[in-house]
C-alpha atoms as a PDB file:
ATOM      1  CA  MET A   1     -15.365 -40.615  -1.459  1.00  0.00           C
ATOM      2  CA  THR A   2     -14.409 -37.002  -2.128  1.00  0.00           C
ATOM      3  CA  PRO A   3     -16.617 -35.291  -4.735  1.00  0.00           C
ATOM      4  CA  ALA A   4     -14.878 -34.284  -7.955  1.00  0.00           C
ATOM      5  CA  TYR A   5     -14.932 -30.504  -8.124  1.00  0.00           C
ATOM      6  CA  ARG A   6     -15.393 -29.121 -11.604  1.00  0.00           C
ATOM      7  CA  VAL A   7     -15.822 -25.576 -12.732  1.00  0.00           C
ATOM      8  CA  ARG A   8     -18.740 -24.578 -14.907  1.00  0.00           C
ATOM      9  CA  PRO A   9     -18.315 -21.528 -17.143  1.00  0.00           C
ATOM     10  CA  ILE A  10     -20.478 -18.537 -16.309  1.00  0.00           C
ATOM     11  CA  ILE A  11     -22.418 -16.697 -18.998  1.00  0.00           C
ATOM     12  CA  TRP A  12     -21.839 -12.958 -18.628  1.00  0.00           C
ATOM     13  CA  THR A  13     -24.842 -10.655 -18.597  1.00  0.00           C
ATOM     14  CA  LEU A  14     -24.919  -6.880 -18.747  1.00  0.00           C
ATOM     15  CA  SER A  15     -26.527  -5.251 -15.752  1.00  0.00           C
ATOM     16  CA  LEU A  16     -27.262  -1.560 -15.503  1.00  0.00           C
ATOM     17  CA  SER A  17     -28.225  -1.782 -11.844  1.00  0.00           C
ATOM     18  CA  LYS A  18     -25.967  -0.586  -9.042  1.00  0.00           C
ATOM     19  CA  PRO A  19     -23.441  -3.269  -8.008  1.00  0.00           C
ATOM     20  CA  ARG A  20     -23.765  -4.910  -4.622  1.00  0.00           C
ATOM     21  CA  ASN A  21     -21.352  -3.650  -1.970  1.00  0.00           C
ATOM     22  CA  THR A  22     -19.336  -6.886  -1.734  1.00  0.00           C
ATOM     23  CA  LEU A  23     -17.926  -8.890  -4.619  1.00  0.00           C
ATOM     24  CA  LEU A  24     -16.668 -12.458  -4.250  1.00  0.00           C
ATOM     25  CA  ALA A  25     -14.487 -13.018  -7.307  1.00  0.00           C
ATOM     26  CA  GLY A  26     -12.992 -16.281  -8.499  1.00  0.00           C
ATOM     27  CA  LEU A  27      -9.963 -16.052 -10.751  1.00  0.00           C
ATOM     28  CA  GLY A  28      -8.371 -18.755 -12.856  1.00  0.00           C
ATOM     29  CA  ASN A  29      -8.606 -21.017 -15.842  1.00  0.00           C
ATOM     30  CA  PRO A  30     -10.940 -23.985 -15.253  1.00  0.00           C
ATOM     31  CA  ILE A  31      -9.388 -26.106 -18.015  1.00  0.00           C
ATOM     32  CA  MET A  32      -5.933 -26.020 -16.399  1.00  0.00           C
ATOM     33  CA  THR A  33      -6.520 -28.278 -13.339  1.00  0.00           C
ATOM     34  CA  ASP A  34      -5.584 -26.408 -10.137  1.00  0.00           C
ATOM     35  CA  GLU A  35      -5.414 -23.055 -11.964  1.00  0.00           C
ATOM     36  CA  GLY A  36      -9.233 -23.136 -11.791  1.00  0.00           C
ATOM     37  CA  VAL A  37      -9.463 -23.463  -7.993  1.00  0.00           C
ATOM     38  CA  GLY A  38     -10.540 -19.856  -7.401  1.00  0.00           C
ATOM     39  CA  VAL A  39     -13.523 -20.173  -9.713  1.00  0.00           C
ATOM     40  CA  CYS A  40     -14.409 -23.544  -8.209  1.00  0.00           C
ATOM     41  CA  VAL A  41     -14.353 -22.199  -4.632  1.00  0.00           C
ATOM     42  CA  VAL A  42     -16.577 -19.190  -5.335  1.00  0.00           C
ATOM     43  CA  GLU A  43     -19.040 -21.218  -7.394  1.00  0.00           C
ATOM     44  CA  THR A  44     -19.339 -23.780  -4.592  1.00  0.00           C
ATOM     45  CA  ILE A  45     -19.957 -20.993  -2.063  1.00  0.00           C
ATOM     46  CA  LYS A  46     -22.602 -19.518  -4.360  1.00  0.00           C
ATOM     47  CA  GLN A  47     -24.377 -22.889  -4.501  1.00  0.00           C
ATOM     48  CA  ARG A  48     -24.226 -23.532  -0.743  1.00  0.00           C
ATOM     49  CA  TYR A  49     -24.949 -20.136   0.800  1.00  0.00           C
ATOM     50  CA  ASP A  50     -27.774 -17.669   0.438  1.00  0.00           C
ATOM     51  CA  LEU A  51     -25.950 -14.630  -0.915  1.00  0.00           C
ATOM     52  CA  SER A  52     -29.057 -12.809  -2.061  1.00  0.00           C
ATOM     53  CA  GLY A  53     -28.251  -9.869   0.190  1.00  0.00           C
ATOM     54  CA  ASN A  54     -25.261  -7.683  -0.463  1.00  0.00           C
ATOM     55  CA  VAL A  55     -22.778 -10.168  -2.002  1.00  0.00           C
ATOM     56  CA  GLU A  56     -22.342 -10.762  -5.710  1.00  0.00           C
ATOM     57  CA  VAL A  57     -20.317 -13.711  -6.999  1.00  0.00           C
ATOM     58  CA  MET A  58     -18.392 -13.526 -10.278  1.00  0.00           C
ATOM     59  CA  ASP A  59     -16.063 -15.711 -12.293  1.00  0.00           C
ATOM     60  CA  LEU A  60     -13.492 -13.180 -13.511  1.00  0.00           C
ATOM     61  CA  GLY A  61     -11.520 -15.734 -15.489  1.00  0.00           C
ATOM     62  CA  THR A  62      -7.854 -14.946 -15.832  1.00  0.00           C
ATOM     63  CA  GLY A  63      -8.112 -11.463 -14.393  1.00  0.00           C
ATOM     64  CA  ASN A  64      -8.064  -9.312 -17.511  1.00  0.00           C
ATOM     65  CA  MET A  65      -9.362  -5.757 -17.790  1.00  0.00           C
ATOM     66  CA  ASN A  66     -12.930  -6.749 -16.862  1.00  0.00           C
ATOM     67  CA  VAL A  67     -11.697  -6.809 -13.247  1.00  0.00           C
ATOM     68  CA  LEU A  68     -11.685  -2.993 -13.315  1.00  0.00           C
ATOM     69  CA  HIS A  69     -15.359  -2.843 -14.247  1.00  0.00           C
ATOM     70  CA  ALA A  70     -16.357  -5.587 -11.812  1.00  0.00           C
ATOM     71  CA  ILE A  71     -14.798  -3.915  -8.765  1.00  0.00           C
ATOM     72  CA  ALA A  72     -15.866  -0.327  -9.513  1.00  0.00           C
ATOM     73  CA  GLY A  73     -18.394   0.964  -7.000  1.00  0.00           C
ATOM     74  CA  ARG A  74     -17.773  -1.793  -4.455  1.00  0.00           C
ATOM     75  CA  GLN A  75     -16.844  -1.378  -0.811  1.00  0.00           C
ATOM     76  CA  LYS A  76     -15.236  -4.816  -0.452  1.00  0.00           C
ATOM     77  CA  VAL A  77     -13.819  -7.373  -2.866  1.00  0.00           C
ATOM     78  CA  VAL A  78     -12.656 -10.876  -1.983  1.00  0.00           C
ATOM     79  CA  PHE A  79     -10.512 -12.542  -4.649  1.00  0.00           C
ATOM     80  CA  VAL A  80      -9.735 -16.273  -4.700  1.00  0.00           C
ATOM     81  CA  ASP A  81      -7.002 -17.550  -7.007  1.00  0.00           C
ATOM     82  CA  CYS A  82      -4.337 -20.148  -7.523  1.00  0.00           C
ATOM     83  CA  ALA A  83      -1.002 -18.687  -6.358  1.00  0.00           C
ATOM     84  CA  LEU A  84       2.584 -19.893  -6.496  1.00  0.00           C
ATOM     85  CA  MET A  85       3.715 -19.031  -2.982  1.00  0.00           C
ATOM     86  CA  GLY A  86       6.364 -21.676  -2.305  1.00  0.00           C
ATOM     87  CA  GLU A  87       4.020 -23.470   0.113  1.00  0.00           C
ATOM     88  CA  SER A  88       2.897 -27.103   0.211  1.00  0.00           C
ATOM     89  CA  PRO A  89       0.286 -27.892  -2.452  1.00  0.00           C
ATOM     90  CA  GLY A  90      -3.213 -27.188  -1.137  1.00  0.00           C
ATOM     91  CA  THR A  91      -2.142 -24.450   1.284  1.00  0.00           C
ATOM     92  CA  ILE A  92      -4.467 -21.449   1.437  1.00  0.00           C
ATOM     93  CA  ARG A  93      -3.250 -18.051   2.614  1.00  0.00           C
ATOM     94  CA  ARG A  94      -5.102 -14.806   3.149  1.00  0.00           C
ATOM     95  CA  PHE A  95      -3.471 -11.530   2.124  1.00  0.00           C
ATOM     96  CA  SER A  96      -4.211  -7.834   2.022  1.00  0.00           C
ATOM     97  CA  LEU A  97      -2.885  -5.619  -0.768  1.00  0.00           C
ATOM     98  CA  ASP A  98      -0.064  -4.516   1.540  1.00  0.00           C
ATOM     99  CA  ASP A  99       1.084  -8.145   1.896  1.00  0.00           C
ATOM    100  CA  VAL A 100       1.715  -8.962  -1.756  1.00  0.00           C
ATOM    101  CA  VAL A 101       4.073  -7.933  -4.545  1.00  0.00           C
ATOM    102  CA  SER A 102       3.754  -9.033  -8.159  1.00  0.00           C
ATOM    103  CA  LYS A 103       6.740 -10.866  -9.596  1.00  0.00           C
ATOM    104  CA  LYS A 104       5.155 -11.111 -13.022  1.00  0.00           C
ATOM    105  CA  ILE A 105       7.202  -9.594 -15.827  1.00  0.00           C
ATOM    106  CA  GLN A 106       5.053  -8.071 -18.528  1.00  0.00           C
ATOM    107  CA  SER A 107       6.447  -7.757 -22.009  1.00  0.00           C
ATOM    108  CA  HIS A 108       3.466  -5.672 -23.156  1.00  0.00           C
ATOM    109  CA  TRP A 109       0.115  -4.362 -21.966  1.00  0.00           C
ATOM    110  CA  SER A 110      -2.971  -5.998 -23.338  1.00  0.00           C
ATOM    111  CA  ALA A 111      -6.693  -6.227 -22.590  1.00  0.00           C
ATOM    112  CA  HIS A 112      -6.052  -9.941 -22.022  1.00  0.00           C
ATOM    113  CA  ASP A 113      -3.208  -9.511 -19.554  1.00  0.00           C
ATOM    114  CA  GLY A 114      -3.936 -10.980 -16.161  1.00  0.00           C
ATOM    115  CA  ASP A 115      -1.746  -9.368 -13.509  1.00  0.00           C
ATOM    116  CA  LEU A 116      -4.276  -8.688 -10.771  1.00  0.00           C
ATOM    117  CA  LEU A 117      -2.005  -6.416  -8.748  1.00  0.00           C
ATOM    118  CA  ASN A 118      -1.374  -4.166 -11.744  1.00  0.00           C
ATOM    119  CA  LEU A 119      -5.104  -4.007 -12.393  1.00  0.00           C
ATOM    120  CA  LEU A 120      -5.732  -3.046  -8.770  1.00  0.00           C
ATOM    121  CA  ASN A 121      -3.093  -0.314  -9.066  1.00  0.00           C
ATOM    122  CA  ILE A 122      -4.916   1.020 -12.133  1.00  0.00           C
ATOM    123  CA  SER A 123      -8.170   0.991 -10.156  1.00  0.00           C
ATOM    124  CA  LYS A 124      -6.451   2.924  -7.370  1.00  0.00           C
ATOM    125  CA  SER A 125      -5.097   5.520  -9.804  1.00  0.00           C
ATOM    126  CA  LEU A 126      -8.627   5.962 -11.191  1.00  0.00           C
ATOM    127  CA  GLY A 127      -9.957   6.514  -7.673  1.00  0.00           C
ATOM    128  CA  GLU A 128     -12.145   3.397  -7.916  1.00  0.00           C
ATOM    129  CA  LEU A 129     -10.302   0.933  -5.682  1.00  0.00           C
ATOM    130  CA  PRO A 130     -12.687  -0.579  -3.140  1.00  0.00           C
ATOM    131  CA  GLU A 131     -12.071   0.272   0.504  1.00  0.00           C
ATOM    132  CA  GLU A 132     -11.281  -3.353   1.430  1.00  0.00           C
ATOM    133  CA  ILE A 133      -9.485  -5.921  -0.713  1.00  0.00           C
ATOM    134  CA  VAL A 134      -8.973  -9.484   0.514  1.00  0.00           C
ATOM    135  CA  LEU A 135      -6.850 -11.903  -1.509  1.00  0.00           C
ATOM    136  CA  PHE A 136      -6.845 -15.657  -1.001  1.00  0.00           C
ATOM    137  CA  GLY A 137      -4.053 -17.611  -2.658  1.00  0.00           C
ATOM    138  CA  ILE A 138      -4.153 -21.389  -2.958  1.00  0.00           C
ATOM    139  CA  GLU A 139      -0.929 -23.243  -3.770  1.00  0.00           C
ATOM    140  CA  PRO A 140      -1.502 -25.559  -6.766  1.00  0.00           C
ATOM    141  CA  GLN A 141      -0.203 -29.080  -7.073  1.00  0.00           C
ATOM    142  CA  THR A 142      -0.419 -29.192 -10.845  1.00  0.00           C
ATOM    143  CA  ILE A 143      -1.195 -26.757 -13.628  1.00  0.00           C
ATOM    144  CA  GLU A 144      -1.806 -28.666 -16.842  1.00  0.00           C
ATOM    145  CA  PHE A 145      -4.718 -29.362 -19.153  1.00  0.00           C
ATOM    146  CA  GLY A 146      -7.583 -30.922 -17.236  1.00  0.00           C
ATOM    147  CA  GLU A 147     -11.053 -29.927 -16.024  1.00  0.00           C
ATOM    148  CA  GLN A 148     -10.837 -31.241 -12.459  1.00  0.00           C
ATOM    149  CA  LEU A 149      -8.835 -30.122  -9.489  1.00  0.00           C
ATOM    150  CA  THR A 150      -6.120 -32.488  -8.314  1.00  0.00           C
ATOM    151  CA  PRO A 151      -7.069 -34.785  -5.406  1.00  0.00           C
ATOM    152  CA  CYS A 152      -4.793 -32.717  -3.140  1.00  0.00           C
ATOM    153  CA  LEU A 153      -6.860 -29.555  -3.650  1.00  0.00           C
ATOM    154  CA  GLN A 154     -10.150 -31.458  -3.606  1.00  0.00           C
ATOM    155  CA  GLU A 155      -9.264 -32.782  -0.135  1.00  0.00           C
ATOM    156  CA  HIS A 156      -8.864 -29.190   1.106  1.00  0.00           C
ATOM    157  CA  MET A 157     -12.002 -27.781  -0.535  1.00  0.00           C
ATOM    158  CA  GLU A 158     -14.047 -27.607   2.685  1.00  0.00           C
ATOM    159  CA  GLU A 159     -11.262 -25.611   4.360  1.00  0.00           C
ATOM    160  CA  TYR A 160     -11.219 -23.172   1.424  1.00  0.00           C
ATOM    161  CA  ILE A 161     -14.976 -22.747   1.492  1.00  0.00           C
ATOM    162  CA  VAL A 162     -15.094 -22.055   5.244  1.00  0.00           C
ATOM    163  CA  LYS A 163     -12.222 -19.538   5.156  1.00  0.00           C
ATOM    164  CA  VAL A 164     -13.442 -17.651   2.116  1.00  0.00           C
ATOM    165  CA  ALA A 165     -17.094 -17.625   3.237  1.00  0.00           C
ATOM    166  CA  ALA A 166     -16.014 -16.155   6.587  1.00  0.00           C
ATOM    167  CA  ALA A 167     -14.279 -13.298   4.753  1.00  0.00           C
ATOM    168  CA  ILE A 168     -17.369 -12.102   2.908  1.00  0.00           C
ATOM    169  CA  VAL A 169     -19.399 -11.222   6.000  1.00  0.00           C
END
């Protein structure tokens, strides 16, 4: 039987210490079924692997302005998120910043807006964009209210974990 993957919210703490060189960041909304897959993947990696060295793991929620603060001072950031790519549900794809273009239309700018690519462009204009950005997109099956991933994504979880874990070394 496949384990039911659920996302647990992370309590944010303020740290004045220097950030670790690599950030593994999960994006998404854990109460919207497959929209929470990014957070679920990074939390599972955090539980399974000893990342006490140079990797920090964060739940960055829906990618609002706190992304800018989280990535500042890093050399490498690996993002994992649900992405509508026109692929079969459960498909994972790896991208660089050069590979992706945002199709999101923004009607306004807000501290709660979640267009990751726009936030990364802001980071670049501030001179704070990390040297290496890796983006993993996972095609959802369903995005609706619910705290568990769909069985389709749960069946692929081991694949996600292996691919994302390999990218943080």
